[in-house]
Amino acid sequence: MFGSGVIVFREVLEAALVVTILLAATRGLLGRNRWIGSGVAVGVLGAVIVAYFAGYIADAFAGIGQELFNAAVLFIAVLMLAWHNIWMSGHAREMVANLKQVGNKVTTGNLPFYALSIAAGIAVLREGSEVVLFLYGIAVSGGDVAQMAAGGMLGLAGGIAAGVFLYFGLLGIPMSLLFRVTGWMILLLASGMAANAAGFLSQAGLLPSYQPLWNTSRFISEHSLPGQLLHILVGYQDSPTSIQLGFYFATLIFIGSSMYLIGRRKNNAVSV
């Protein structure tokens, strides 16, 4: 529940950030709500289409390589999370500045009105598609669907509320700090997904299937409520193999070090 809530909150907040910046930059412009609203609606429709075809593909693979499909979805989710976190580490400020320029150019007549729809629609479609893949990845990793849905609804509500507060200038938490905290939380989620994907590949016979390194099920079972929570948050497994552990730490180190290096390089460039 918490893991899905974090993912949905992060993605909705980023989409809301795009929409609110466009709204703020075009304040007082007649028709801006209609154009931005239509872009949001198209983006949501696109995300729904992605969700529909994800389920269709899953049904088509049922019984004939379900493990391969699950592993593929998990790896795609990990790659998107990695790209997303690494990119945001160095380009968050540029994104905000570029969006403000789009809004200002529309206001002054240098860009057509539909540029607002395109900017808003792409943001919502991108973030919505990522939510679909991430939540499906959690589901195939053994997450409880009811709890995942509840967490997703809480994350959706929280992201929209944060966007509203941001628009009216009432959000006291620095956006850089908020994105940094959620980014490191999503890093752990991605590492857990990579370990689960390695498990599916081992089941399919594409990776070696070794004996578990340890078994902590008598202390915290992976199927218990605390175990499920830890499984979603940090990728906890009560009986991991060396292959799964290797994928977990390789993903953790690669994404984490890339985030640090990109962020540090960007900060050094700004300070010069």
Protein backbone atom coordinates (compact mmCIF):
# COMPACT_ATOMS: atom_id res chain seq x y z
CA MET A 1 0.00 0.00 0.00
CA PHE A 2 2.73 2.45 0.98
CA GLY A 3 4.89 1.57 -2.02
CA SER A 4 2.09 2.17 -4.52
CA GLY A 5 1.16 5.36 -2.70
CA VAL A 6 4.73 6.70 -3.00
CA ILE A 7 4.88 5.90 -6.72
CA VAL A 8 1.50 7.43 -7.55
CA PHE A 9 2.16 10.48 -5.35
CA ARG A 10 5.52 11.11 -7.03
CA GLU A 11 4.21 10.77 -10.57
CA VAL A 12 1.00 12.75 -9.95
CA LEU A 13 3.03 15.48 -8.24
CA GLU A 14 5.33 15.79 -11.24
CA ALA A 15 2.40 15.96 -13.66
CA ALA A 16 0.72 18.48 -11.34
CA LEU A 17 3.95 20.49 -11.27
CA VAL A 18 3.87 20.82 -15.06
CA VAL A 19 0.19 21.81 -15.09
CA THR A 20 0.50 24.32 -12.26
CA ILE A 21 3.55 26.01 -13.80
CA LEU A 22 1.69 26.37 -17.10
CA LEU A 23 -1.36 27.76 -15.28
CA ALA A 24 0.74 30.20 -13.27
CA ALA A 25 2.70 31.38 -16.32
CA THR A 26 -0.51 32.05 -18.32
CA ARG A 27 -2.55 33.60 -15.53
CA GLY A 28 -5.19 35.95 -16.92
CA LEU A 29 -4.96 34.52 -20.45
CA LEU A 30 -8.44 33.89 -21.84
CA GLY A 31 -9.04 30.23 -22.75
CA ARG A 32 -5.94 28.86 -21.01
CA ASN A 33 -8.03 26.55 -18.76
CA ARG A 34 -9.74 24.99 -21.78
CA TRP A 35 -6.50 24.28 -23.61
CA ILE A 36 -4.61 22.96 -20.59
CA GLY A 37 -7.65 20.96 -19.45
CA SER A 38 -8.02 19.32 -22.87
CA GLY A 39 -4.36 18.36 -22.78
CA VAL A 40 -4.77 16.77 -19.34
CA ALA A 41 -7.85 14.85 -20.56
CA VAL A 42 -5.98 13.48 -23.60
CA GLY A 43 -3.06 12.48 -21.39
CA VAL A 44 -5.34 10.59 -19.01
CA LEU A 45 -7.00 8.84 -21.96
CA GLY A 46 -3.60 7.78 -23.27
CA ALA A 47 -2.63 6.36 -19.88
CA VAL A 48 -5.90 4.39 -19.78
CA ILE A 49 -5.10 2.94 -23.22
CA VAL A 50 -1.64 1.90 -21.98
CA ALA A 51 -3.28 0.21 -18.96
CA TYR A 52 -5.73 -1.66 -21.19
CA PHE A 53 -3.06 -3.05 -23.48
CA ALA A 54 -0.82 -3.98 -20.54
CA GLY A 55 -3.60 -6.21 -19.21
CA TYR A 56 -4.29 -7.61 -22.69
CA ILE A 57 -0.65 -8.57 -23.18
CA ALA A 58 -0.55 -10.17 -19.74
CA ASP A 59 -3.57 -12.34 -20.60
CA ALA A 60 -2.02 -13.32 -23.94
CA PHE A 61 1.13 -14.56 -22.18
CA ALA A 62 -0.74 -16.45 -19.45
CA GLY A 63 0.43 -20.05 -19.35
CA ILE A 64 3.07 -19.63 -22.07
CA GLY A 65 5.91 -17.79 -20.49
CA GLN A 66 4.21 -15.75 -17.79
CA GLU A 67 7.52 -15.58 -15.92
CA LEU A 68 9.20 -14.03 -18.97
CA PHE A 69 6.47 -11.43 -19.33
CA ASN A 70 6.57 -10.57 -15.64
CA ALA A 71 10.36 -10.24 -15.72
CA ALA A 72 10.17 -8.04 -18.85
CA VAL A 73 7.63 -5.69 -17.24
CA LEU A 74 9.71 -5.46 -14.07
CA PHE A 75 12.90 -4.68 -16.00
CA ILE A 76 11.09 -2.04 -18.07
CA ALA A 77 9.82 -0.48 -14.84
CA VAL A 78 13.33 -0.55 -13.36
CA LEU A 79 14.81 1.10 -16.48
CA MET A 80 12.16 3.81 -16.45
CA LEU A 81 12.69 4.41 -12.74
CA ALA A 82 16.44 4.58 -13.27
CA TRP A 83 16.18 7.03 -16.16
CA HIS A 84 13.61 9.09 -14.30
CA ASN A 85 15.59 9.42 -11.07
CA ILE A 86 18.92 10.06 -12.82
CA TRP A 87 17.42 12.63 -15.18
CA MET A 88 15.59 14.47 -12.41
CA SER A 89 18.82 14.64 -10.38
CA GLY A 90 20.30 17.04 -12.89
CA HIS A 91 17.45 18.61 -14.86
CA ALA A 92 14.68 19.51 -12.41
CA ARG A 93 15.56 23.23 -12.47
CA GLU A 94 15.80 23.28 -16.27
CA MET A 95 12.39 21.61 -16.56
CA VAL A 96 10.75 24.31 -14.45
CA ALA A 97 12.48 27.10 -16.40
CA ASN A 98 11.50 25.63 -19.79
CA LEU A 99 7.86 25.26 -18.74
CA LYS A 100 7.76 28.89 -17.63
CA GLN A 101 9.16 29.92 -21.02
CA VAL A 102 6.42 27.95 -22.82
CA GLY A 103 3.73 29.68 -20.78
CA ASN A 104 5.24 33.13 -21.30
CA LYS A 105 5.62 32.61 -25.07
CA VAL A 106 1.97 31.57 -25.36
CA THR A 107 0.93 34.64 -23.36
CA THR A 108 2.92 36.98 -25.62
CA GLY A 109 1.64 35.30 -28.78
CA ASN A 110 4.94 33.73 -29.81
CA LEU A 111 3.51 30.20 -29.46
CA PRO A 112 0.02 28.92 -30.41
CA PHE A 113 -2.49 28.00 -27.72
CA TYR A 114 -2.29 24.31 -28.50
CA ALA A 115 1.28 24.32 -27.17
CA LEU A 116 -0.30 24.40 -23.72
CA SER A 117 -2.35 21.29 -24.53
CA ILE A 118 0.69 19.46 -25.88
CA ALA A 119 2.86 20.30 -22.86
CA ALA A 120 0.16 19.29 -20.36
CA GLY A 121 -0.89 16.19 -22.33
CA ILE A 122 2.65 14.83 -22.70
CA ALA A 123 3.32 15.30 -18.99
CA VAL A 124 0.14 13.50 -17.92
CA LEU A 125 0.60 10.72 -20.50
CA ARG A 126 4.23 10.15 -19.50
CA GLU A 127 3.58 10.06 -15.77
CA GLY A 128 0.36 8.06 -16.17
CA SER A 129 2.09 5.44 -18.31
CA GLU A 130 4.86 5.11 -15.73
CA VAL A 131 2.27 4.62 -12.98
CA VAL A 132 0.66 1.80 -14.98
CA LEU A 133 3.96 -0.05 -15.44
CA PHE A 134 5.13 0.52 -11.87
CA LEU A 135 1.89 -0.67 -10.31
CA TYR A 136 1.79 -3.71 -12.56
CA GLY A 137 5.35 -4.45 -11.52
CA ILE A 138 4.33 -4.32 -7.84
CA ALA A 139 1.33 -6.55 -8.55
CA VAL A 140 3.35 -9.29 -10.27
CA SER A 141 5.89 -9.08 -7.43
CA GLY A 142 3.26 -10.34 -5.03
CA GLY A 143 1.71 -7.09 -3.82
CA ASP A 144 -1.84 -7.14 -2.44
CA VAL A 145 -4.12 -5.66 -5.13
CA ALA A 146 -6.61 -4.15 -2.67
CA GLN A 147 -3.85 -2.48 -0.64
CA MET A 148 -2.14 -1.36 -3.84
CA ALA A 149 -5.37 0.26 -5.06
CA ALA A 150 -5.90 1.98 -1.69
CA GLY A 151 -2.32 3.26 -1.69
CA GLY A 152 -2.72 4.45 -5.28
CA MET A 153 -5.85 6.43 -4.40
CA LEU A 154 -4.09 8.03 -1.42
CA GLY A 155 -1.10 8.88 -3.60
CA LEU A 156 -3.41 10.35 -6.26
CA ALA A 157 -5.21 12.50 -3.71
CA GLY A 158 -1.94 13.59 -2.11
CA GLY A 159 -0.36 14.50 -5.45
CA ILE A 160 -3.36 16.56 -6.55
CA ALA A 161 -3.52 18.31 -3.17
CA ALA A 162 0.21 19.12 -3.33
CA GLY A 163 -0.27 20.53 -6.83
CA VAL A 164 -3.11 22.76 -5.63
CA PHE A 165 -1.04 24.01 -2.68
CA LEU A 166 1.89 24.59 -5.00
CA TYR A 167 -0.23 26.70 -7.35
CA PHE A 168 -1.41 28.99 -4.58
CA GLY A 169 2.08 29.24 -3.08
CA LEU A 170 1.17 27.52 0.19
CA LEU A 171 3.59 24.60 -0.02
CA GLY A 172 6.39 25.27 2.48
CA ILE A 173 8.44 22.15 1.70
CA PRO A 174 11.16 22.86 -0.89
CA MET A 175 10.43 20.89 -4.04
CA SER A 176 14.07 19.83 -4.31
CA LEU A 177 13.90 18.21 -0.86
CA LEU A 178 10.59 16.52 -1.62
CA PHE A 179 11.87 15.06 -4.89
CA ARG A 180 15.12 13.96 -3.24
CA VAL A 181 13.34 12.00 -0.50
CA THR A 182 10.85 10.32 -2.84
CA GLY A 183 13.66 9.65 -5.32
CA TRP A 184 15.67 7.62 -2.81
CA MET A 185 12.52 5.77 -1.75
CA ILE A 186 11.80 4.87 -5.37
CA LEU A 187 15.45 3.75 -5.73
CA LEU A 188 14.78 1.02 -3.15
CA LEU A 189 11.57 0.05 -4.95
CA ALA A 190 13.48 -0.29 -8.23
CA SER A 191 16.15 -2.47 -6.61
CA GLY A 192 13.47 -4.77 -5.22
CA MET A 193 11.83 -5.01 -8.64
CA ALA A 194 15.16 -5.99 -10.23
CA ALA A 195 15.60 -8.77 -7.66
CA ASN A 196 12.07 -10.03 -8.33
CA ALA A 197 12.72 -9.99 -12.08
CA ALA A 198 15.85 -12.12 -11.54
CA GLY A 199 13.69 -14.56 -9.58
CA PHE A 200 11.26 -14.89 -12.49
CA LEU A 201 14.12 -15.48 -14.94
CA SER A 202 15.47 -18.20 -12.64
CA GLN A 203 12.03 -19.84 -12.62
CA ALA A 204 12.00 -19.71 -16.43
CA GLY A 205 15.44 -21.37 -16.57
CA LEU A 206 17.23 -18.39 -18.12
CA LEU A 207 19.29 -17.73 -14.99
CA PRO A 208 20.87 -20.26 -12.61
CA SER A 209 18.63 -21.38 -9.78
CA TYR A 210 20.73 -21.51 -6.63
CA GLN A 211 19.78 -22.44 -3.10
CA PRO A 212 18.65 -19.54 -0.88
CA LEU A 213 21.45 -17.86 1.04
CA TRP A 214 19.33 -17.71 4.20
CA ASN A 215 15.77 -18.10 5.42
CA THR A 216 14.27 -15.53 7.80
CA SER A 217 10.65 -16.62 7.37
CA ARG A 218 10.43 -17.70 11.03
CA PHE A 219 11.21 -14.11 12.06
CA ILE A 220 9.43 -12.15 9.31
CA SER A 221 7.59 -14.15 6.69
CA GLU A 222 7.43 -12.59 3.25
CA HIS A 223 3.72 -13.43 3.19
CA SER A 224 2.93 -11.69 6.48
CA LEU A 225 1.75 -8.08 6.61
CA PRO A 226 5.13 -6.72 7.83
CA GLY A 227 6.91 -8.92 5.29
CA GLN A 228 4.72 -7.68 2.42
CA LEU A 229 5.30 -4.09 3.48
CA LEU A 230 9.08 -4.58 3.57
CA HIS A 231 8.92 -6.50 0.29
CA ILE A 232 7.27 -3.55 -1.47
CA LEU A 233 9.33 -0.83 0.22
CA VAL A 234 12.86 -2.28 0.13
CA GLY A 235 12.52 -5.55 -1.81
CA TYR A 236 12.70 -7.79 1.27
CA GLN A 237 12.71 -11.55 0.63
CA ASP A 238 12.86 -14.11 3.40
CA SER A 239 14.88 -16.59 1.31
CA PRO A 240 16.83 -14.75 -1.44
CA THR A 241 19.31 -16.41 -3.76
CA SER A 242 22.72 -14.99 -4.67
CA ILE A 243 21.38 -14.09 -8.13
CA GLN A 244 18.55 -12.02 -6.66
CA LEU A 245 20.87 -10.36 -4.17
CA GLY A 246 23.33 -9.53 -6.92
CA PHE A 247 20.63 -7.89 -9.07
CA TYR A 248 19.37 -5.95 -6.05
CA PHE A 249 22.71 -4.41 -5.10
CA ALA A 250 23.83 -3.90 -8.71
CA THR A 251 20.67 -1.86 -9.36
CA LEU A 252 20.98 0.00 -6.07
CA ILE A 253 24.61 0.95 -6.66
CA PHE A 254 24.20 1.88 -10.33
CA ILE A 255 21.14 4.12 -9.95
CA GLY A 256 22.25 5.59 -6.62
CA SER A 257 25.77 6.47 -7.80
CA SER A 258 24.42 7.88 -11.08
CA MET A 259 21.96 10.09 -9.22
CA TYR A 260 24.75 11.36 -6.98
CA LEU A 261 27.24 12.01 -9.80
CA ILE A 262 24.72 13.72 -12.11
CA GLY A 263 23.38 15.88 -9.30
CA ARG A 264 26.87 16.82 -8.15
CA ARG A 265 28.01 17.66 -11.67
CA LYS A 266 24.95 19.83 -12.23
CA ASN A 267 25.43 21.69 -8.95
CA ASN A 268 29.11 22.31 -9.76
CA ALA A 269 28.16 23.66 -13.19
CA VAL A 270 25.60 26.02 -11.66
CA SER A 271 28.03 27.31 -9.01
CA VAL A 272 30.76 28.09 -11.57
